Structure formats: C-alpha cells, structure tokens
Amino acid sequence: MTLYFDCSYGASGDMLVGALIDIGADFEIIKEKLKNIPEVSEISVEKVEKSGVFATKFNVKFNSCREEYLTLIGKIEKLNLESGVEILSKKILEKLAIAESHAHGVKIKDVHLHEAADCIVDAISFSIAVHELKNKFNFKNIHCSTLGVGMTAPATDYIINSDQENFRCGDNNTYRCCNSLCGG
C-alpha cells in the first residue's frame, strides 16, 4: 500500500499533518508529545473549508527562534519518542540541515534553522502521524505528486534532486513538505 500526497500546489508541514489526522492519525498522541517542546505554547485542530474543500487544520503556536541543527537533534532525543518516530524526525531535520548546508556553503554543524520551532514541530508531528498510520494501514511507500509550477529555493531543489531513489517529490512542494516526504 502507498500513502499518496497530492501536493501539486504545495503543502506546508501543518497541512500534511492535518491531512494525516483526517485519515486516522491520533491528534491527542501528537499533542501530548509536542507539549514537551518548550517553545510550543498552543496546539489545536479545527475543520476548515477553502474553495469548497474541507480539511483539518493543524495549528501550533510557538515562540519563533533560530537554533543550530545539532541543538534540535538534542531536543528530539529528550522527548522520549518511539524509536521509529525519533529516527524519522532526525532524518527529516538532517535532510533539511544538509540542504541548508549545501545552499549556504557552510558545514552542517554550522547550520542555523531560522524557524527552528516550526521545523521541529513539523518533523515530529509528521513522524508521529506517519508512524501511527504505517501501523494501522501497513503502507510501505510515500508518493508525492509533481507539477512544475514556479521556482523553488536552492535548498528545496537540493532535497528534491538528492533522494529520488526512494521517494518522488514534486518540484512545487514547500520546503518542509518536500523534506518531510523525502525524510525516510
């Protein structure tokens, strides 16, 4: 079985998590783990309608901060996540850090993620939801649609082009959406 995302017009991390909640991921499990991240102040979901399409909106309020990649990895390790969730969360952040390193010409240890709280929330919540749904539905692959609209940032291009063996990610996905889908 394959989990298929139609991100042909882009998708943010919160949109991906909302979609995963719509198909059965448990919001309360995600919320419980995110409450342990000091920067997170509020977590909620709501049903929304946009242009006739109904969806679940995943909302997280946090204090914006800029942190080094290795600091975020340490935060993940302190959250007591299931092994598969921790591994995927780290892989997502690693891919993001490698892409930033490549785009800015700095060593990975020197990468600062500008929206660090958003990055860690997206990585962890997506990983929890995917892990839970893999157990429920036994899917083996993740596929994301493609549509060549507009320009992508250099780091996004790097993510898209560096891991086409296991995942096919569209070139109009937003940064963390593409990274999440290609995370592992």
N, C-alpha and C. Protein backbone atom coordinates (compact mmCIF):
# COMPACT_ATOMS: atom_id res chain seq x y z
N MET A 1 0.85 -1.18 0.00
CA MET A 1 0.00 0.00 0.00
C MET A 1 0.89 1.24 0.00
N THR A 2 0.46 2.28 -0.69
CA THR A 2 1.20 3.53 -0.80
C THR A 2 0.38 4.68 -0.22
N LEU A 3 1.02 5.52 0.55
CA LEU A 3 0.41 6.75 1.03
C LEU A 3 0.72 7.81 -0.02
N TYR A 4 -0.31 8.42 -0.58
CA TYR A 4 -0.16 9.34 -1.70
C TYR A 4 -0.56 10.74 -1.29
N PHE A 5 0.32 11.70 -1.53
CA PHE A 5 0.03 13.12 -1.28
C PHE A 5 -0.05 13.85 -2.61
N ASP A 6 -1.11 14.59 -2.82
CA ASP A 6 -1.21 15.46 -3.99
C ASP A 6 -0.83 16.86 -3.53
N CYS A 7 0.43 17.15 -3.66
CA CYS A 7 0.96 18.47 -3.24
C CYS A 7 1.29 19.31 -4.46
N SER A 8 0.52 19.14 -5.52
CA SER A 8 0.85 19.80 -6.78
C SER A 8 0.83 21.32 -6.70
N TYR A 9 0.19 21.87 -5.70
CA TYR A 9 0.22 23.31 -5.49
C TYR A 9 0.92 23.67 -4.19
N GLY A 10 1.72 22.75 -3.68
CA GLY A 10 2.47 22.98 -2.45
C GLY A 10 1.69 22.52 -1.23
N ALA A 11 2.40 22.32 -0.16
CA ALA A 11 1.79 21.94 1.11
C ALA A 11 2.78 22.23 2.22
N SER A 12 2.29 22.78 3.29
CA SER A 12 3.14 23.07 4.44
C SER A 12 3.11 21.88 5.39
N GLY A 13 4.00 21.91 6.37
CA GLY A 13 4.02 20.83 7.36
C GLY A 13 2.69 20.68 8.08
N ASP A 14 2.07 21.82 8.45
CA ASP A 14 0.79 21.73 9.16
C ASP A 14 -0.32 21.19 8.26
N MET A 15 -0.23 21.45 6.96
CA MET A 15 -1.22 20.88 6.03
C MET A 15 -1.06 19.37 5.93
N LEU A 16 0.19 18.90 5.89
CA LEU A 16 0.45 17.47 5.82
C LEU A 16 -0.06 16.77 7.08
N VAL A 17 0.23 17.33 8.24
CA VAL A 17 -0.21 16.72 9.49
C VAL A 17 -1.74 16.73 9.58
N GLY A 18 -2.37 17.82 9.18
CA GLY A 18 -3.83 17.88 9.15
C GLY A 18 -4.41 16.79 8.27
N ALA A 19 -3.81 16.56 7.11
CA ALA A 19 -4.28 15.50 6.21
C ALA A 19 -4.11 14.13 6.85
N LEU A 20 -3.00 13.92 7.53
CA LEU A 20 -2.77 12.63 8.19
C LEU A 20 -3.75 12.42 9.34
N ILE A 21 -4.10 13.48 10.04
CA ILE A 21 -5.13 13.39 11.10
C ILE A 21 -6.47 13.04 10.46
N ASP A 22 -6.77 13.65 9.31
CA ASP A 22 -8.02 13.36 8.60
C ASP A 22 -8.17 11.87 8.27
N ILE A 23 -7.07 11.20 7.97
CA ILE A 23 -7.18 9.79 7.58
C ILE A 23 -6.93 8.83 8.75
N GLY A 24 -6.80 9.37 9.96
CA GLY A 24 -6.76 8.47 11.10
C GLY A 24 -5.66 8.62 12.12
N ALA A 25 -4.68 9.51 11.88
CA ALA A 25 -3.65 9.73 12.90
C ALA A 25 -4.31 10.38 14.12
N ASP A 26 -3.85 10.02 15.29
CA ASP A 26 -4.46 10.47 16.54
C ASP A 26 -3.86 11.81 16.97
N PHE A 27 -4.66 12.87 16.89
CA PHE A 27 -4.22 14.21 17.28
C PHE A 27 -3.73 14.25 18.72
N GLU A 28 -4.40 13.53 19.61
CA GLU A 28 -4.03 13.57 21.04
C GLU A 28 -2.62 13.02 21.28
N ILE A 29 -2.23 12.01 20.53
CA ILE A 29 -0.87 11.47 20.65
C ILE A 29 0.14 12.51 20.19
N ILE A 30 -0.13 13.16 19.07
CA ILE A 30 0.76 14.20 18.56
C ILE A 30 0.85 15.34 19.57
N LYS A 31 -0.30 15.79 20.05
CA LYS A 31 -0.36 16.90 21.00
C LYS A 31 0.44 16.60 22.27
N GLU A 32 0.30 15.39 22.78
CA GLU A 32 0.99 15.00 24.02
C GLU A 32 2.51 15.13 23.88
N LYS A 33 3.05 14.71 22.75
CA LYS A 33 4.50 14.80 22.54
C LYS A 33 4.96 16.24 22.29
N LEU A 34 4.15 17.00 21.55
CA LEU A 34 4.55 18.38 21.24
C LEU A 34 4.53 19.27 22.48
N LYS A 35 3.71 18.92 23.46
CA LYS A 35 3.64 19.73 24.68
C LYS A 35 4.97 19.75 25.43
N ASN A 36 5.84 18.80 25.14
CA ASN A 36 7.14 18.72 25.81
C ASN A 36 8.22 19.59 25.15
N ILE A 37 7.86 20.29 24.08
CA ILE A 37 8.80 21.20 23.43
C ILE A 37 8.60 22.58 24.04
N PRO A 38 9.62 23.13 24.71
CA PRO A 38 9.45 24.38 25.46
C PRO A 38 8.90 25.56 24.63
N GLU A 39 9.24 25.62 23.35
CA GLU A 39 8.80 26.75 22.52
C GLU A 39 7.33 26.68 22.13
N VAL A 40 6.70 25.53 22.29
CA VAL A 40 5.31 25.34 21.88
C VAL A 40 4.37 25.85 22.97
N SER A 41 3.44 26.74 22.59
CA SER A 41 2.52 27.31 23.57
C SER A 41 1.07 26.85 23.40
N GLU A 42 0.68 26.46 22.20
CA GLU A 42 -0.70 26.05 21.96
C GLU A 42 -0.76 25.09 20.78
N ILE A 43 -1.60 24.04 20.93
CA ILE A 43 -1.75 23.04 19.88
C ILE A 43 -3.24 22.76 19.72
N SER A 44 -3.74 22.83 18.47
CA SER A 44 -5.15 22.59 18.25
C SER A 44 -5.40 22.11 16.82
N VAL A 45 -6.59 21.59 16.60
CA VAL A 45 -7.04 21.27 15.25
C VAL A 45 -8.43 21.86 15.06
N GLU A 46 -8.76 22.15 13.82
CA GLU A 46 -10.09 22.64 13.50
C GLU A 46 -10.44 22.21 12.09
N LYS A 47 -11.73 22.04 11.85
CA LYS A 47 -12.20 21.74 10.50
C LYS A 47 -12.32 23.07 9.75
N VAL A 48 -11.80 23.11 8.53
CA VAL A 48 -11.84 24.32 7.72
C VAL A 48 -12.38 23.98 6.33
N GLU A 49 -12.84 25.00 5.64
CA GLU A 49 -13.30 24.87 4.26
C GLU A 49 -12.66 25.99 3.46
N LYS A 50 -11.98 25.62 2.38
CA LYS A 50 -11.37 26.61 1.50
C LYS A 50 -11.68 26.22 0.07
N SER A 51 -12.35 27.11 -0.62
CA SER A 51 -12.72 26.90 -2.02
C SER A 51 -13.48 25.59 -2.21
N GLY A 52 -14.34 25.27 -1.27
CA GLY A 52 -15.17 24.09 -1.38
C GLY A 52 -14.50 22.79 -0.94
N VAL A 53 -13.28 22.88 -0.46
CA VAL A 53 -12.55 21.70 0.01
C VAL A 53 -12.51 21.74 1.53
N PHE A 54 -12.91 20.64 2.16
CA PHE A 54 -12.91 20.56 3.62
C PHE A 54 -11.67 19.80 4.08
N ALA A 55 -11.08 20.26 5.17
CA ALA A 55 -9.85 19.64 5.67
C ALA A 55 -9.72 19.89 7.17
N THR A 56 -8.75 19.25 7.75
CA THR A 56 -8.39 19.50 9.14
C THR A 56 -7.18 20.42 9.15
N LYS A 57 -7.30 21.52 9.85
CA LYS A 57 -6.19 22.48 10.00
C LYS A 57 -5.48 22.18 11.31
N PHE A 58 -4.22 21.87 11.23
CA PHE A 58 -3.38 21.60 12.38
C PHE A 58 -2.69 22.90 12.77
N ASN A 59 -2.95 23.38 13.97
CA ASN A 59 -2.42 24.67 14.43
C ASN A 59 -1.47 24.48 15.60
N VAL A 60 -0.31 25.09 15.50
CA VAL A 60 0.63 25.10 16.61
C VAL A 60 1.17 26.52 16.74
N LYS A 61 1.04 27.07 17.94
CA LYS A 61 1.63 28.38 18.22
C LYS A 61 2.91 28.15 19.01
N PHE A 62 3.93 28.87 18.63
CA PHE A 62 5.23 28.70 19.28
C PHE A 62 6.00 30.00 19.23
N ASN A 63 7.01 30.07 20.06
CA ASN A 63 7.93 31.20 20.03
C ASN A 63 8.94 30.93 18.94
N SER A 64 9.02 31.82 17.98
CA SER A 64 9.94 31.65 16.88
C SER A 64 11.37 31.82 17.39
N CYS A 65 12.24 30.97 16.89
CA CYS A 65 13.63 31.07 17.31
C CYS A 65 14.54 30.53 16.20
N ARG A 66 15.79 30.84 16.32
CA ARG A 66 16.81 30.37 15.38
C ARG A 66 17.78 29.52 16.17
N GLU A 67 17.91 28.25 15.78
CA GLU A 67 18.79 27.35 16.51
C GLU A 67 19.61 26.50 15.56
N GLU A 68 20.72 26.01 16.08
CA GLU A 68 21.56 25.12 15.30
C GLU A 68 20.89 23.76 15.15
N TYR A 69 21.20 23.14 14.05
CA TYR A 69 20.68 21.81 13.74
C TYR A 69 20.96 20.82 14.88
N LEU A 70 22.18 20.80 15.39
CA LEU A 70 22.53 19.83 16.43
C LEU A 70 21.76 20.07 17.72
N THR A 71 21.40 21.32 18.01
CA THR A 71 20.57 21.62 19.18
C THR A 71 19.19 20.99 19.03
N LEU A 72 18.63 21.08 17.83
CA LEU A 72 17.31 20.48 17.58
C LEU A 72 17.36 18.96 17.68
N ILE A 73 18.43 18.35 17.24
CA ILE A 73 18.58 16.90 17.37
C ILE A 73 18.59 16.53 18.85
N GLY A 74 19.28 17.31 19.66
CA GLY A 74 19.29 17.07 21.11
C GLY A 74 17.91 17.19 21.73
N LYS A 75 17.12 18.15 21.26
CA LYS A 75 15.75 18.30 21.76
C LYS A 75 14.91 17.09 21.41
N ILE A 76 15.06 16.57 20.21
CA ILE A 76 14.32 15.37 19.81
C ILE A 76 14.69 14.20 20.71
N GLU A 77 15.96 14.05 21.01
CA GLU A 77 16.42 12.94 21.84
C GLU A 77 15.85 13.00 23.26
N LYS A 78 15.52 14.19 23.73
CA LYS A 78 15.00 14.36 25.10
C LYS A 78 13.49 14.13 25.19
N LEU A 79 12.81 13.93 24.07
CA LEU A 79 11.35 13.85 24.07
C LEU A 79 10.79 12.46 24.34
N ASN A 80 11.63 11.45 24.47
CA ASN A 80 11.17 10.10 24.75
C ASN A 80 10.16 9.61 23.70
N LEU A 81 10.55 9.75 22.43
CA LEU A 81 9.71 9.32 21.32
C LEU A 81 9.96 7.83 21.04
N GLU A 82 8.98 7.19 20.41
CA GLU A 82 9.20 5.82 19.95
C GLU A 82 10.38 5.83 18.98
N SER A 83 11.09 4.73 18.92
CA SER A 83 12.31 4.65 18.12
C SER A 83 12.09 5.07 16.67
N GLY A 84 11.05 4.53 16.02
CA GLY A 84 10.79 4.86 14.61
C GLY A 84 10.46 6.33 14.41
N VAL A 85 9.75 6.91 15.36
CA VAL A 85 9.39 8.34 15.28
C VAL A 85 10.65 9.19 15.44
N GLU A 86 11.49 8.83 16.40
CA GLU A 86 12.72 9.60 16.63
C GLU A 86 13.63 9.52 15.41
N ILE A 87 13.77 8.34 14.86
CA ILE A 87 14.63 8.16 13.69
C ILE A 87 14.14 9.00 12.51
N LEU A 88 12.83 8.93 12.21
CA LEU A 88 12.30 9.70 11.08
C LEU A 88 12.41 11.20 11.35
N SER A 89 12.11 11.64 12.56
CA SER A 89 12.23 13.07 12.90
C SER A 89 13.65 13.56 12.67
N LYS A 90 14.63 12.78 13.11
CA LYS A 90 16.03 13.15 12.92
C LYS A 90 16.41 13.16 11.44
N LYS A 91 15.90 12.18 10.68
CA LYS A 91 16.21 12.12 9.25
C LYS A 91 15.64 13.35 8.53
N ILE A 92 14.45 13.76 8.91
CA ILE A 92 13.84 14.94 8.30
C ILE A 92 14.70 16.16 8.57
N LEU A 93 15.06 16.37 9.84
CA LEU A 93 15.90 17.53 10.18
C LEU A 93 17.28 17.43 9.54
N GLU A 94 17.81 16.22 9.46
CA GLU A 94 19.12 16.05 8.83
C GLU A 94 19.07 16.46 7.36
N LYS A 95 18.03 16.01 6.66
CA LYS A 95 17.89 16.39 5.25
C LYS A 95 17.77 17.90 5.09
N LEU A 96 17.00 18.51 5.97
CA LEU A 96 16.85 19.96 5.94
C LEU A 96 18.19 20.64 6.20
N ALA A 97 18.94 20.17 7.19
CA ALA A 97 20.23 20.76 7.52
C ALA A 97 21.24 20.56 6.39
N ILE A 98 21.24 19.38 5.78
CA ILE A 98 22.16 19.13 4.66
C ILE A 98 21.83 20.06 3.49
N ALA A 99 20.54 20.23 3.22
CA ALA A 99 20.13 21.12 2.13
C ALA A 99 20.53 22.57 2.44
N GLU A 100 20.33 23.00 3.68
CA GLU A 100 20.73 24.36 4.08
C GLU A 100 22.25 24.51 3.98
N SER A 101 22.97 23.49 4.41
CA SER A 101 24.43 23.50 4.34
C SER A 101 24.89 23.66 2.90
N HIS A 102 24.26 22.89 2.02
CA HIS A 102 24.59 22.95 0.59
C HIS A 102 24.24 24.32 0.00
N ALA A 103 23.05 24.83 0.33
CA ALA A 103 22.59 26.10 -0.24
C ALA A 103 23.42 27.29 0.24
N HIS A 104 23.89 27.24 1.50
CA HIS A 104 24.61 28.38 2.07
C HIS A 104 26.12 28.19 2.13
N GLY A 105 26.59 27.02 1.71
CA GLY A 105 28.03 26.78 1.67
C GLY A 105 28.68 26.75 3.05
N VAL A 106 27.98 26.19 4.04
CA VAL A 106 28.54 26.06 5.38
C VAL A 106 28.52 24.60 5.80
N LYS A 107 29.33 24.27 6.80
CA LYS A 107 29.33 22.91 7.33
C LYS A 107 28.03 22.66 8.07
N ILE A 108 27.60 21.41 8.08
CA ILE A 108 26.33 21.07 8.70
C ILE A 108 26.29 21.48 10.17
N LYS A 109 27.41 21.39 10.87
CA LYS A 109 27.44 21.77 12.28
C LYS A 109 27.21 23.27 12.47
N ASP A 110 27.37 24.05 11.40
CA ASP A 110 27.19 25.50 11.47
C ASP A 110 25.83 25.96 10.95
N VAL A 111 24.99 25.02 10.54
CA VAL A 111 23.67 25.37 10.01
C VAL A 111 22.77 25.85 11.13
N HIS A 112 22.15 27.01 10.92
CA HIS A 112 21.13 27.54 11.82
C HIS A 112 19.80 27.49 11.09
N LEU A 113 18.80 26.89 11.71
CA LEU A 113 17.48 26.84 11.12
C LEU A 113 16.69 28.02 11.65
N HIS A 114 16.26 28.89 10.77
CA HIS A 114 15.65 30.17 11.14
C HIS A 114 14.32 30.02 11.85
N GLU A 115 13.52 29.08 11.46
CA GLU A 115 12.25 28.81 12.13
C GLU A 115 12.37 27.47 12.84
N ALA A 116 13.28 27.42 13.80
CA ALA A 116 13.63 26.16 14.46
C ALA A 116 12.44 25.48 15.11
N ALA A 117 11.61 26.24 15.82
CA ALA A 117 10.45 25.63 16.48
C ALA A 117 9.50 25.03 15.45
N ASP A 118 9.27 25.73 14.35
CA ASP A 118 8.41 25.21 13.29
C ASP A 118 9.02 23.95 12.67
N CYS A 119 10.32 23.96 12.47
CA CYS A 119 11.00 22.79 11.89
C CYS A 119 10.83 21.56 12.76
N ILE A 120 11.07 21.71 14.06
CA ILE A 120 11.00 20.55 14.95
C ILE A 120 9.55 20.09 15.12
N VAL A 121 8.60 21.03 15.19
CA VAL A 121 7.18 20.67 15.29
C VAL A 121 6.75 19.90 14.05
N ASP A 122 7.09 20.41 12.87
CA ASP A 122 6.72 19.72 11.63
C ASP A 122 7.33 18.33 11.56
N ALA A 123 8.62 18.23 11.86
CA ALA A 123 9.31 16.94 11.78
C ALA A 123 8.70 15.92 12.73
N ILE A 124 8.49 16.32 13.98
CA ILE A 124 7.99 15.37 14.98
C ILE A 124 6.52 15.02 14.73
N SER A 125 5.68 16.01 14.47
CA SER A 125 4.25 15.71 14.29
C SER A 125 4.03 14.86 13.04
N PHE A 126 4.73 15.17 11.96
CA PHE A 126 4.63 14.36 10.74
C PHE A 126 5.11 12.93 11.02
N SER A 127 6.22 12.79 11.73
CA SER A 127 6.78 11.48 12.02
C SER A 127 5.85 10.64 12.90
N ILE A 128 5.26 11.27 13.90
CA ILE A 128 4.31 10.56 14.77
C ILE A 128 3.12 10.07 13.95
N ALA A 129 2.56 10.96 13.14
CA ALA A 129 1.38 10.61 12.34
C ALA A 129 1.69 9.50 11.33
N VAL A 130 2.82 9.61 10.64
CA VAL A 130 3.19 8.59 9.66
C VAL A 130 3.44 7.25 10.35
N HIS A 131 4.14 7.28 11.46
CA HIS A 131 4.43 6.04 12.19
C HIS A 131 3.13 5.35 12.62
N GLU A 132 2.21 6.13 13.15
CA GLU A 132 0.94 5.57 13.59
C GLU A 132 0.14 5.00 12.42
N LEU A 133 0.09 5.73 11.30
CA LEU A 133 -0.67 5.25 10.14
C LEU A 133 0.00 4.05 9.47
N LYS A 134 1.32 3.98 9.50
CA LYS A 134 2.01 2.79 8.97
C LYS A 134 1.56 1.56 9.75
N ASN A 135 1.44 1.71 11.06
CA ASN A 135 0.98 0.59 11.88
C ASN A 135 -0.48 0.24 11.60
N LYS A 136 -1.32 1.24 11.37
CA LYS A 136 -2.75 0.98 11.11
C LYS A 136 -2.99 0.38 9.73
N PHE A 137 -2.33 0.95 8.71
CA PHE A 137 -2.64 0.59 7.32
C PHE A 137 -1.56 -0.19 6.60
N ASN A 138 -0.41 -0.39 7.25
CA ASN A 138 0.68 -1.17 6.69
C ASN A 138 1.14 -0.67 5.32
N PHE A 139 1.23 0.65 5.13
CA PHE A 139 1.74 1.14 3.86
C PHE A 139 3.26 1.12 3.87
N LYS A 140 3.82 0.94 2.69
CA LYS A 140 5.27 0.79 2.56
C LYS A 140 5.94 2.00 1.91
N ASN A 141 5.20 2.74 1.10
CA ASN A 141 5.79 3.84 0.34
C ASN A 141 5.00 5.12 0.54
N ILE A 142 5.70 6.24 0.32
CA ILE A 142 5.06 7.55 0.29
C ILE A 142 5.34 8.13 -1.09
N HIS A 143 4.30 8.59 -1.74
CA HIS A 143 4.46 9.22 -3.05
C HIS A 143 3.85 10.61 -3.01
N CYS A 144 4.54 11.55 -3.60
CA CYS A 144 4.03 12.92 -3.69
C CYS A 144 3.96 13.30 -5.16
N SER A 145 2.83 13.88 -5.54
CA SER A 145 2.62 14.26 -6.93
C SER A 145 3.60 15.35 -7.35
N THR A 146 3.73 15.52 -8.65
CA THR A 146 4.61 16.55 -9.18
C THR A 146 3.84 17.48 -10.10
N LEU A 147 4.25 18.70 -10.14
CA LEU A 147 3.72 19.68 -11.09
C LEU A 147 4.72 20.83 -11.13
N GLY A 148 5.26 21.08 -12.28
CA GLY A 148 6.29 22.11 -12.41
C GLY A 148 5.70 23.50 -12.50
N VAL A 149 5.42 24.10 -11.37
CA VAL A 149 4.88 25.46 -11.35
C VAL A 149 5.81 26.32 -10.51
N GLY A 150 6.33 27.38 -11.07
CA GLY A 150 7.12 28.32 -10.29
C GLY A 150 8.54 27.85 -10.01
N MET A 151 9.22 28.68 -9.24
CA MET A 151 10.61 28.44 -8.88
C MET A 151 10.68 27.89 -7.46
N THR A 152 11.68 27.09 -7.21
CA THR A 152 11.91 26.60 -5.86
C THR A 152 13.22 27.16 -5.32
N ALA A 153 13.32 27.19 -4.01
CA ALA A 153 14.54 27.68 -3.36
C ALA A 153 15.67 26.67 -3.59
N PRO A 154 16.93 27.12 -3.54
CA PRO A 154 18.05 26.21 -3.76
C PRO A 154 18.05 25.01 -2.82
N ALA A 155 17.73 25.21 -1.55
CA ALA A 155 17.73 24.09 -0.61
C ALA A 155 16.64 23.08 -0.97
N THR A 156 15.48 23.57 -1.43
CA THR A 156 14.40 22.69 -1.84
C THR A 156 14.83 21.87 -3.06
N ASP A 157 15.45 22.53 -4.02
CA ASP A 157 15.96 21.82 -5.20
C ASP A 157 16.92 20.71 -4.79
N TYR A 158 17.79 21.01 -3.84
CA TYR A 158 18.75 20.02 -3.38
C TYR A 158 18.04 18.80 -2.80
N ILE A 159 17.02 19.03 -1.96
CA ILE A 159 16.27 17.93 -1.36
C ILE A 159 15.60 17.10 -2.44
N ILE A 160 14.95 17.76 -3.37
CA ILE A 160 14.21 17.07 -4.44
C ILE A 160 15.15 16.20 -5.27
N ASN A 161 16.29 16.74 -5.61
CA ASN A 161 17.19 16.04 -6.52
C ASN A 161 18.11 15.05 -5.85
N SER A 162 18.22 15.07 -4.52
CA SER A 162 19.20 14.21 -3.85
C SER A 162 18.66 12.85 -3.43
N ASP A 163 17.35 12.63 -3.47
CA ASP A 163 16.82 11.36 -2.97
C ASP A 163 15.66 10.87 -3.83
N GLN A 164 15.91 10.69 -5.12
CA GLN A 164 14.85 10.24 -5.99
C GLN A 164 14.74 8.72 -6.04
N GLU A 165 15.68 8.03 -5.41
CA GLU A 165 15.66 6.57 -5.43
C GLU A 165 14.47 6.02 -4.64
N ASN A 166 14.19 6.58 -3.46
CA ASN A 166 13.14 6.05 -2.60
C ASN A 166 11.85 6.85 -2.65
N PHE A 167 11.93 8.13 -2.91
CA PHE A 167 10.76 8.98 -2.89
C PHE A 167 10.77 9.89 -4.10
N ARG A 168 9.60 10.10 -4.65
CA ARG A 168 9.46 11.02 -5.78
C ARG A 168 8.71 12.24 -5.26
N CYS A 169 9.41 13.34 -5.17
CA CYS A 169 8.79 14.55 -4.62
C CYS A 169 8.63 15.59 -5.71
N GLY A 170 7.48 16.20 -5.76
CA GLY A 170 7.18 17.21 -6.76
C GLY A 170 8.02 18.46 -6.57
N ASP A 171 8.23 19.18 -7.67
CA ASP A 171 9.10 20.34 -7.57
C ASP A 171 8.35 21.61 -7.19
N ASN A 172 7.10 21.52 -6.76
CA ASN A 172 6.40 22.70 -6.27
C ASN A 172 6.02 22.55 -4.79
N ASN A 173 6.60 21.59 -4.11
CA ASN A 173 6.31 21.42 -2.70
C ASN A 173 7.04 22.47 -1.89
N THR A 174 6.45 22.87 -0.80
CA THR A 174 7.16 23.79 0.06
C THR A 174 8.31 23.05 0.72
N TYR A 175 9.21 23.81 1.26
CA TYR A 175 10.46 23.32 1.81
C TYR A 175 10.28 22.13 2.76
N ARG A 176 9.56 22.34 3.87
CA ARG A 176 9.43 21.26 4.85
C ARG A 176 8.51 20.15 4.37
N CYS A 177 7.54 20.47 3.51
CA CYS A 177 6.69 19.42 2.93
C CYS A 177 7.55 18.45 2.16
N CYS A 178 8.34 18.97 1.25
CA CYS A 178 9.21 18.11 0.45
C CYS A 178 10.16 17.36 1.35
N ASN A 179 10.74 18.05 2.31
CA ASN A 179 11.68 17.41 3.21
C ASN A 179 11.01 16.30 4.01
N SER A 180 9.80 16.54 4.50
CA SER A 180 9.09 15.52 5.27
C SER A 180 8.85 14.28 4.42
N LEU A 181 8.38 14.48 3.21
CA LEU A 181 8.09 13.34 2.35
C LEU A 181 9.35 12.59 1.95
N CYS A 182 10.45 13.28 1.87
CA CYS A 182 11.70 12.63 1.48
C CYS A 182 12.52 12.19 2.69
N GLY A 183 12.00 12.42 3.87
CA GLY A 183 12.77 12.16 5.09
C GLY A 183 13.12 10.71 5.33
N GLY A 184 12.36 9.80 4.85
CA GLY A 184 12.74 8.41 5.08
C GLY A 184 11.67 7.51 5.40
